[in-house]
Amino acid sequence: MAEVHRPVRLTFPQTQVREPVVYHLGVDYGVITSIRRASIEDHFGWMVLEMSGEPDRLDAGEAYLRSLGIEVDPILGDIVEG
């Protein structure tokens, strides 16, 4: 399968702000990540993340994030330009 790039915006609930979810995307799901923007506080956080990998791995990684209560929203357009 060909590698694809999938830019997403993650919104973290308070319970997940301090958890190493991006680390687990790479180690457990084989997803390559690039953090483009982020704002993380003690009670809330968001992140613009570019995920790369095989589509089935990206789907599994997104399912993992959602299972933790993290909102995953696709981003259209250039994530660097905003």
PDB file of N, CA and C in Angstrom:
ATOM      1  N   MET A   1       0.830  -1.179   0.000  1.00  0.00           N
ATOM      2  CA  MET A   1       0.000   0.000   0.000  1.00  0.00           C
ATOM      3  C   MET A   1       0.880   1.250   0.000  1.00  0.00           C
ATOM      4  N   ALA A   2       0.418   2.284  -0.620  1.00  0.00           N
ATOM      5  CA  ALA A   2       1.179   3.525  -0.697  1.00  0.00           C
ATOM      6  C   ALA A   2       0.990   4.355   0.572  1.00  0.00           C
ATOM      7  N   GLU A   3       2.054   5.042   0.965  1.00  0.00           N
ATOM      8  CA  GLU A   3       1.987   5.932   2.120  1.00  0.00           C
ATOM      9  C   GLU A   3       1.170   7.168   1.765  1.00  0.00           C
ATOM     10  N   VAL A   4       0.345   7.604   2.702  1.00  0.00           N
ATOM     11  CA  VAL A   4      -0.458   8.806   2.510  1.00  0.00           C
ATOM     12  C   VAL A   4      -0.195   9.772   3.668  1.00  0.00           C
ATOM     13  N   HIS A   5      -0.550  11.029   3.447  1.00  0.00           N
ATOM     14  CA  HIS A   5      -0.426  12.052   4.477  1.00  0.00           C
ATOM     15  C   HIS A   5      -1.825  12.488   4.881  1.00  0.00           C
ATOM     16  N   ARG A   6      -2.047  12.617   6.171  1.00  0.00           N
ATOM     17  CA  ARG A   6      -3.370  12.965   6.673  1.00  0.00           C
ATOM     18  C   ARG A   6      -3.226  14.038   7.761  1.00  0.00           C
ATOM     19  N   PRO A   7      -3.479  15.300   7.419  1.00  0.00           N
ATOM     20  CA  PRO A   7      -3.442  16.343   8.449  1.00  0.00           C
ATOM     21  C   PRO A   7      -4.737  16.334   9.264  1.00  0.00           C
ATOM     22  N   VAL A   8      -4.592  16.427  10.581  1.00  0.00           N
ATOM     23  CA  VAL A   8      -5.746  16.410  11.475  1.00  0.00           C
ATOM     24  C   VAL A   8      -5.564  17.419  12.601  1.00  0.00           C
ATOM     25  N   ARG A   9      -6.683  17.799  13.184  1.00  0.00           N
ATOM     26  CA  ARG A   9      -6.658  18.609  14.406  1.00  0.00           C
ATOM     27  C   ARG A   9      -7.165  17.719  15.527  1.00  0.00           C
ATOM     28  N   LEU A  10      -6.377  17.619  16.578  1.00  0.00           N
ATOM     29  CA  LEU A  10      -6.751  16.833  17.746  1.00  0.00           C
ATOM     30  C   LEU A  10      -7.167  17.774  18.856  1.00  0.00           C
ATOM     31  N   THR A  11      -8.262  17.451  19.520  1.00  0.00           N
ATOM     32  CA  THR A  11      -8.706  18.210  20.678  1.00  0.00           C
ATOM     33  C   THR A  11      -8.730  17.258  21.862  1.00  0.00           C
ATOM     34  N   PHE A  12      -7.937  17.582  22.868  1.00  0.00           N
ATOM     35  CA  PHE A  12      -7.735  16.697  24.009  1.00  0.00           C
ATOM     36  C   PHE A  12      -8.614  17.081  25.190  1.00  0.00           C
ATOM     37  N   PRO A  13      -9.283  16.098  25.808  1.00  0.00           N
ATOM     38  CA  PRO A  13      -9.966  16.375  27.065  1.00  0.00           C
ATOM     39  C   PRO A  13      -8.929  16.414  28.195  1.00  0.00           C
ATOM     40  N   GLN A  14      -9.316  16.923  29.323  1.00  0.00           N
ATOM     41  CA  GLN A  14      -8.409  17.055  30.468  1.00  0.00           C
ATOM     42  C   GLN A  14      -7.747  15.726  30.828  1.00  0.00           C
ATOM     43  N   THR A  15      -8.465  14.634  30.704  1.00  0.00           N
ATOM     44  CA  THR A  15      -7.926  13.334  31.111  1.00  0.00           C
ATOM     45  C   THR A  15      -6.777  12.852  30.218  1.00  0.00           C
ATOM     46  N   GLN A  16      -6.637  13.430  29.019  1.00  0.00           N
ATOM     47  CA  GLN A  16      -5.611  12.955  28.087  1.00  0.00           C
ATOM     48  C   GLN A  16      -4.480  13.962  27.831  1.00  0.00           C
ATOM     49  N   VAL A  17      -4.551  15.130  28.433  1.00  0.00           N
ATOM     50  CA  VAL A  17      -3.571  16.185  28.154  1.00  0.00           C
ATOM     51  C   VAL A  17      -2.143  15.740  28.460  1.00  0.00           C
ATOM     52  N   ARG A  18      -1.946  14.987  29.495  1.00  0.00           N
ATOM     53  CA  ARG A  18      -0.588  14.595  29.910  1.00  0.00           C
ATOM     54  C   ARG A  18      -0.161  13.207  29.406  1.00  0.00           C
ATOM     55  N   GLU A  19      -0.995  12.565  28.624  1.00  0.00           N
ATOM     56  CA  GLU A  19      -0.687  11.221  28.141  1.00  0.00           C
ATOM     57  C   GLU A  19       0.143  11.271  26.851  1.00  0.00           C
ATOM     58  N   PRO A  20       1.048  10.314  26.643  1.00  0.00           N
ATOM     59  CA  PRO A  20       1.934  10.312  25.469  1.00  0.00           C
ATOM     60  C   PRO A  20       1.281   9.705  24.221  1.00  0.00           C
ATOM     61  N   VAL A  21       0.172  10.268  23.794  1.00  0.00           N
ATOM     62  CA  VAL A  21      -0.587   9.672  22.699  1.00  0.00           C
ATOM     63  C   VAL A  21       0.157   9.743  21.356  1.00  0.00           C
ATOM     64  N   VAL A  22       0.895  10.812  21.104  1.00  0.00           N
ATOM     65  CA  VAL A  22       1.640  10.912  19.845  1.00  0.00           C
ATOM     66  C   VAL A  22       2.740   9.846  19.807  1.00  0.00           C
ATOM     67  N   TYR A  23       3.370   9.615  20.921  1.00  0.00           N
ATOM     68  CA  TYR A  23       4.370   8.549  21.037  1.00  0.00           C
ATOM     69  C   TYR A  23       3.743   7.202  20.674  1.00  0.00           C
ATOM     70  N   HIS A  24       2.568   6.921  21.220  1.00  0.00           N
ATOM     71  CA  HIS A  24       1.907   5.637  20.958  1.00  0.00           C
ATOM     72  C   HIS A  24       1.476   5.494  19.496  1.00  0.00           C
ATOM     73  N   LEU A  25       1.131   6.602  18.846  1.00  0.00           N
ATOM     74  CA  LEU A  25       0.822   6.520  17.416  1.00  0.00           C
ATOM     75  C   LEU A  25       2.004   5.956  16.648  1.00  0.00           C
ATOM     76  N   GLY A  26       3.203   6.409  16.981  1.00  0.00           N
ATOM     77  CA  GLY A  26       4.394   5.939  16.288  1.00  0.00           C
ATOM     78  C   GLY A  26       4.789   4.524  16.663  1.00  0.00           C
ATOM     79  N   VAL A  27       4.864   4.262  17.952  1.00  0.00           N
ATOM     80  CA  VAL A  27       5.355   2.961  18.428  1.00  0.00           C
ATOM     81  C   VAL A  27       4.340   1.842  18.209  1.00  0.00           C
ATOM     82  N   ASP A  28       3.098   2.091  18.561  1.00  0.00           N
ATOM     83  CA  ASP A  28       2.088   1.027  18.516  1.00  0.00           C
ATOM     84  C   ASP A  28       1.395   0.882  17.164  1.00  0.00           C
ATOM     85  N   TYR A  29       1.344   1.974  16.395  1.00  0.00           N
ATOM     86  CA  TYR A  29       0.585   1.944  15.141  1.00  0.00           C
ATOM     87  C   TYR A  29       1.439   2.212  13.907  1.00  0.00           C
ATOM     88  N   GLY A  30       2.715   2.526  14.076  1.00  0.00           N
ATOM     89  CA  GLY A  30       3.591   2.764  12.938  1.00  0.00           C
ATOM     90  C   GLY A  30       3.264   4.025  12.162  1.00  0.00           C
ATOM     91  N   VAL A  31       2.649   5.007  12.837  1.00  0.00           N
ATOM     92  CA  VAL A  31       2.273   6.261  12.197  1.00  0.00           C
ATOM     93  C   VAL A  31       3.408   7.268  12.391  1.00  0.00           C
ATOM     94  N   ILE A  32       3.829   7.892  11.309  1.00  0.00           N
ATOM     95  CA  ILE A  32       4.837   8.946  11.375  1.00  0.00           C
ATOM     96  C   ILE A  32       4.099  10.249  11.633  1.00  0.00           C
ATOM     97  N   THR A  33       4.552  11.022  12.614  1.00  0.00           N
ATOM     98  CA  THR A  33       3.840  12.240  12.992  1.00  0.00           C
ATOM     99  C   THR A  33       4.740  13.466  12.891  1.00  0.00           C
ATOM    100  N   SER A  34       4.116  14.573  12.577  1.00  0.00           N
ATOM    101  CA  SER A  34       4.790  15.866  12.569  1.00  0.00           C
ATOM    102  C   SER A  34       3.835  16.872  13.207  1.00  0.00           C
ATOM    103  N   ILE A  35       4.230  17.408  14.358  1.00  0.00           N
ATOM    104  CA  ILE A  35       3.398  18.386  15.050  1.00  0.00           C
ATOM    105  C   ILE A  35       3.615  19.739  14.379  1.00  0.00           C
ATOM    106  N   ARG A  36       2.548  20.322  13.884  1.00  0.00           N
ATOM    107  CA  ARG A  36       2.619  21.602  13.177  1.00  0.00           C
ATOM    108  C   ARG A  36       2.292  22.782  14.080  1.00  0.00           C
ATOM    109  N   ARG A  37       1.329  22.600  14.955  1.00  0.00           N
ATOM    110  CA  ARG A  37       0.942  23.627  15.921  1.00  0.00           C
ATOM    111  C   ARG A  37       0.336  22.906  17.119  1.00  0.00           C
ATOM    112  N   ALA A  38       0.443  23.550  18.280  1.00  0.00           N
ATOM    113  CA  ALA A  38      -0.158  22.944  19.464  1.00  0.00           C
ATOM    114  C   ALA A  38      -0.301  23.969  20.574  1.00  0.00           C
ATOM    115  N   SER A  39      -1.272  23.733  21.411  1.00  0.00           N
ATOM    116  CA  SER A  39      -1.464  24.492  22.641  1.00  0.00           C
ATOM    117  C   SER A  39      -1.975  23.504  23.679  1.00  0.00           C
ATOM    118  N   ILE A  40      -1.140  23.230  24.652  1.00  0.00           N
ATOM    119  CA  ILE A  40      -1.487  22.252  25.671  1.00  0.00           C
ATOM    120  C   ILE A  40      -1.435  22.930  27.036  1.00  0.00           C
ATOM    121  N   GLU A  41      -2.520  22.825  27.787  1.00  0.00           N
ATOM    122  CA  GLU A  41      -2.586  23.364  29.138  1.00  0.00           C
ATOM    123  C   GLU A  41      -2.987  22.232  30.066  1.00  0.00           C
ATOM    124  N   ASP A  42      -3.101  22.512  31.350  1.00  0.00           N
ATOM    125  CA  ASP A  42      -3.436  21.472  32.317  1.00  0.00           C
ATOM    126  C   ASP A  42      -4.822  20.878  32.123  1.00  0.00           C
ATOM    127  N   HIS A  43      -5.750  21.652  31.610  1.00  0.00           N
ATOM    128  CA  HIS A  43      -7.142  21.204  31.551  1.00  0.00           C
ATOM    129  C   HIS A  43      -7.668  21.007  30.134  1.00  0.00           C
ATOM    130  N   PHE A  44      -6.884  21.353  29.110  1.00  0.00           N
ATOM    131  CA  PHE A  44      -7.377  21.293  27.737  1.00  0.00           C
ATOM    132  C   PHE A  44      -6.185  21.389  26.787  1.00  0.00           C
ATOM    133  N   GLY A  45      -6.336  20.835  25.597  1.00  0.00           N
ATOM    134  CA  GLY A  45      -5.272  20.977  24.614  1.00  0.00           C
ATOM    135  C   GLY A  45      -5.760  20.717  23.212  1.00  0.00           C
ATOM    136  N   TRP A  46      -5.046  21.281  22.245  1.00  0.00           N
ATOM    137  CA  TRP A  46      -5.314  20.986  20.843  1.00  0.00           C
ATOM    138  C   TRP A  46      -3.978  20.879  20.121  1.00  0.00           C
ATOM    139  N   MET A  47      -3.999  20.190  19.003  1.00  0.00           N
ATOM    140  CA  MET A  47      -2.777  19.967  18.233  1.00  0.00           C
ATOM    141  C   MET A  47      -3.133  19.800  16.772  1.00  0.00           C
ATOM    142  N   VAL A  48      -2.360  20.448  15.908  1.00  0.00           N
ATOM    143  CA  VAL A  48      -2.457  20.200  14.478  1.00  0.00           C
ATOM    144  C   VAL A  48      -1.315  19.238  14.158  1.00  0.00           C
ATOM    145  N   LEU A  49      -1.686  18.077  13.669  1.00  0.00           N
ATOM    146  CA  LEU A  49      -0.748  16.979  13.489  1.00  0.00           C
ATOM    147  C   LEU A  49      -0.845  16.453  12.065  1.00  0.00           C
ATOM    148  N   GLU A  50       0.300  16.289  11.415  1.00  0.00           N
ATOM    149  CA  GLU A  50       0.305  15.628  10.116  1.00  0.00           C
ATOM    150  C   GLU A  50       0.732  14.183  10.353  1.00  0.00           C
ATOM    151  N   MET A  51      -0.141  13.265   9.995  1.00  0.00           N
ATOM    152  CA  MET A  51       0.148  11.846  10.155  1.00  0.00           C
ATOM    153  C   MET A  51       0.454  11.260   8.781  1.00  0.00           C
ATOM    154  N   SER A  52       1.462  10.409   8.725  1.00  0.00           N
ATOM    155  CA  SER A  52       1.835   9.747   7.482  1.00  0.00           C
ATOM    156  C   SER A  52       1.960   8.255   7.725  1.00  0.00           C
ATOM    157  N   GLY A  53       1.610   7.480   6.702  1.00  0.00           N
ATOM    158  CA  GLY A  53       1.724   6.040   6.803  1.00  0.00           C
ATOM    159  C   GLY A  53       0.735   5.355   5.885  1.00  0.00           C
ATOM    160  N   GLU A  54       0.620   4.067   6.044  1.00  0.00           N
ATOM    161  CA  GLU A  54      -0.332   3.299   5.258  1.00  0.00           C
ATOM    162  C   GLU A  54      -1.742   3.600   5.762  1.00  0.00           C
ATOM    163  N   PRO A  55      -2.707   3.691   4.848  1.00  0.00           N
ATOM    164  CA  PRO A  55      -4.069   4.066   5.248  1.00  0.00           C
ATOM    165  C   PRO A  55      -4.656   3.228   6.385  1.00  0.00           C
ATOM    166  N   ASP A  56      -4.421   1.918   6.393  1.00  0.00           N
ATOM    167  CA  ASP A  56      -4.988   1.093   7.460  1.00  0.00           C
ATOM    168  C   ASP A  56      -4.363   1.412   8.810  1.00  0.00           C
ATOM    169  N   ARG A  57      -3.079   1.766   8.829  1.00  0.00           N
ATOM    170  CA  ARG A  57      -2.425   2.151  10.081  1.00  0.00           C
ATOM    171  C   ARG A  57      -2.931   3.507  10.572  1.00  0.00           C
ATOM    172  N   LEU A  58      -3.140   4.438   9.633  1.00  0.00           N
ATOM    173  CA  LEU A  58      -3.693   5.738  10.006  1.00  0.00           C
ATOM    174  C   LEU A  58      -5.095   5.583  10.583  1.00  0.00           C
ATOM    175  N   ASP A  59      -5.900   4.743   9.949  1.00  0.00           N
ATOM    176  CA  ASP A  59      -7.258   4.484  10.453  1.00  0.00           C
ATOM    177  C   ASP A  59      -7.219   3.895  11.859  1.00  0.00           C
ATOM    178  N   ALA A  60      -6.318   2.948  12.083  1.00  0.00           N
ATOM    179  CA  ALA A  60      -6.189   2.331  13.406  1.00  0.00           C
ATOM    180  C   ALA A  60      -5.713   3.349  14.437  1.00  0.00           C
ATOM    181  N   GLY A  61      -4.787   4.206  14.041  1.00  0.00           N
ATOM    182  CA  GLY A  61      -4.301   5.249  14.942  1.00  0.00           C
ATOM    183  C   GLY A  61      -5.403   6.229  15.309  1.00  0.00           C
ATOM    184  N   GLU A  62      -6.210   6.616  14.330  1.00  0.00           N
ATOM    185  CA  GLU A  62      -7.331   7.510  14.609  1.00  0.00           C
ATOM    186  C   GLU A  62      -8.350   6.846  15.531  1.00  0.00           C
ATOM    187  N   ALA A  63      -8.607   5.572  15.316  1.00  0.00           N
ATOM    188  CA  ALA A  63      -9.538   4.847  16.182  1.00  0.00           C
ATOM    189  C   ALA A  63      -9.015   4.809  17.619  1.00  0.00           C
ATOM    190  N   TYR A  64      -7.714   4.616  17.776  1.00  0.00           N
ATOM    191  CA  TYR A  64      -7.082   4.633  19.100  1.00  0.00           C
ATOM    192  C   TYR A  64      -7.320   5.992  19.772  1.00  0.00           C
ATOM    193  N   LEU A  65      -7.058   7.078  19.038  1.00  0.00           N
ATOM    194  CA  LEU A  65      -7.246   8.415  19.608  1.00  0.00           C
ATOM    195  C   LEU A  65      -8.690   8.635  20.031  1.00  0.00           C
ATOM    196  N   ARG A  66      -9.619   8.265  19.176  1.00  0.00           N
ATOM    197  CA  ARG A  66     -11.037   8.439  19.495  1.00  0.00           C
ATOM    198  C   ARG A  66     -11.453   7.601  20.702  1.00  0.00           C
ATOM    199  N   SER A  67     -10.859   6.411  20.839  1.00  0.00           N
ATOM    200  CA  SER A  67     -11.191   5.551  21.985  1.00  0.00           C
ATOM    201  C   SER A  67     -10.786   6.194  23.309  1.00  0.00           C
ATOM    202  N   LEU A  68      -9.850   7.143  23.251  1.00  0.00           N
ATOM    203  CA  LEU A  68      -9.410   7.861  24.445  1.00  0.00           C
ATOM    204  C   LEU A  68     -10.221   9.132  24.695  1.00  0.00           C
ATOM    205  N   GLY A  69     -11.184   9.413  23.820  1.00  0.00           N
ATOM    206  CA  GLY A  69     -11.988  10.614  23.968  1.00  0.00           C
ATOM    207  C   GLY A  69     -11.393  11.840  23.303  1.00  0.00           C
ATOM    208  N   ILE A  70     -10.381  11.640  22.456  1.00  0.00           N
ATOM    209  CA  ILE A  70      -9.748  12.732  21.731  1.00  0.00           C
ATOM    210  C   ILE A  70     -10.528  12.950  20.437  1.00  0.00           C
ATOM    211  N   GLU A  71     -10.913  14.198  20.180  1.00  0.00           N
ATOM    212  CA  GLU A  71     -11.600  14.524  18.932  1.00  0.00           C
ATOM    213  C   GLU A  71     -10.573  14.573  17.807  1.00  0.00           C
ATOM    214  N   VAL A  72     -10.887  13.940  16.688  1.00  0.00           N
ATOM    215  CA  VAL A  72     -10.006  13.927  15.518  1.00  0.00           C
ATOM    216  C   VAL A  72     -10.787  14.521  14.348  1.00  0.00           C
ATOM    217  N   ASP A  73     -10.326  15.682  13.870  1.00  0.00           N
ATOM    218  CA  ASP A  73     -11.000  16.364  12.770  1.00  0.00           C
ATOM    219  C   ASP A  73     -10.035  16.543  11.611  1.00  0.00           C
ATOM    220  N   PRO A  74     -10.449  16.178  10.396  1.00  0.00           N
ATOM    221  CA  PRO A  74      -9.580  16.371   9.227  1.00  0.00           C
ATOM    222  C   PRO A  74      -9.366  17.852   8.952  1.00  0.00           C
ATOM    223  N   ILE A  75      -8.207  18.165   8.384  1.00  0.00           N
ATOM    224  CA  ILE A  75      -7.896  19.525   7.989  1.00  0.00           C
ATOM    225  C   ILE A  75      -7.777  19.563   6.480  1.00  0.00           C
ATOM    226  N   LEU A  76      -8.466  20.528   5.889  1.00  0.00           N
ATOM    227  CA  LEU A  76      -8.379  20.724   4.442  1.00  0.00           C
ATOM    228  C   LEU A  76      -7.503  21.931   4.176  1.00  0.00           C
ATOM    229  N   GLY A  77      -6.720  21.884   3.115  1.00  0.00           N
ATOM    230  CA  GLY A  77      -5.861  23.007   2.778  1.00  0.00           C
ATOM    231  C   GLY A  77      -4.469  22.846   3.347  1.00  0.00           C
ATOM    232  N   ASP A  78      -3.691  23.902   3.266  1.00  0.00           N
ATOM    233  CA  ASP A  78      -2.295  23.906   3.675  1.00  0.00           C
ATOM    234  C   ASP A  78      -2.189  24.123   5.183  1.00  0.00           C
ATOM    235  N   ILE A  79      -1.676  23.131   5.905  1.00  0.00           N
ATOM    236  CA  ILE A  79      -1.611  23.259   7.368  1.00  0.00           C
ATOM    237  C   ILE A  79      -0.492  24.177   7.821  1.00  0.00           C
ATOM    238  N   VAL A  80       0.490  24.436   6.972  1.00  0.00           N
ATOM    239  CA  VAL A  80       1.563  25.352   7.343  1.00  0.00           C
ATOM    240  C   VAL A  80       1.091  26.789   7.178  1.00  0.00           C
ATOM    241  N   GLU A  81       0.387  27.054   6.090  1.00  0.00           N
ATOM    242  CA  GLU A  81      -0.109  28.401   5.818  1.00  0.00           C
ATOM    243  C   GLU A  81      -1.220  28.799   6.779  1.00  0.00           C
ATOM    244  N   GLY A  82      -2.004  27.790   7.223  1.00  0.00           N
ATOM    245  CA  GLY A  82      -3.129  28.081   8.111  1.00  0.00           C
ATOM    246  C   GLY A  82      -4.322  28.290   7.317  1.00  0.00           C
TER     247      GLY A  82
END
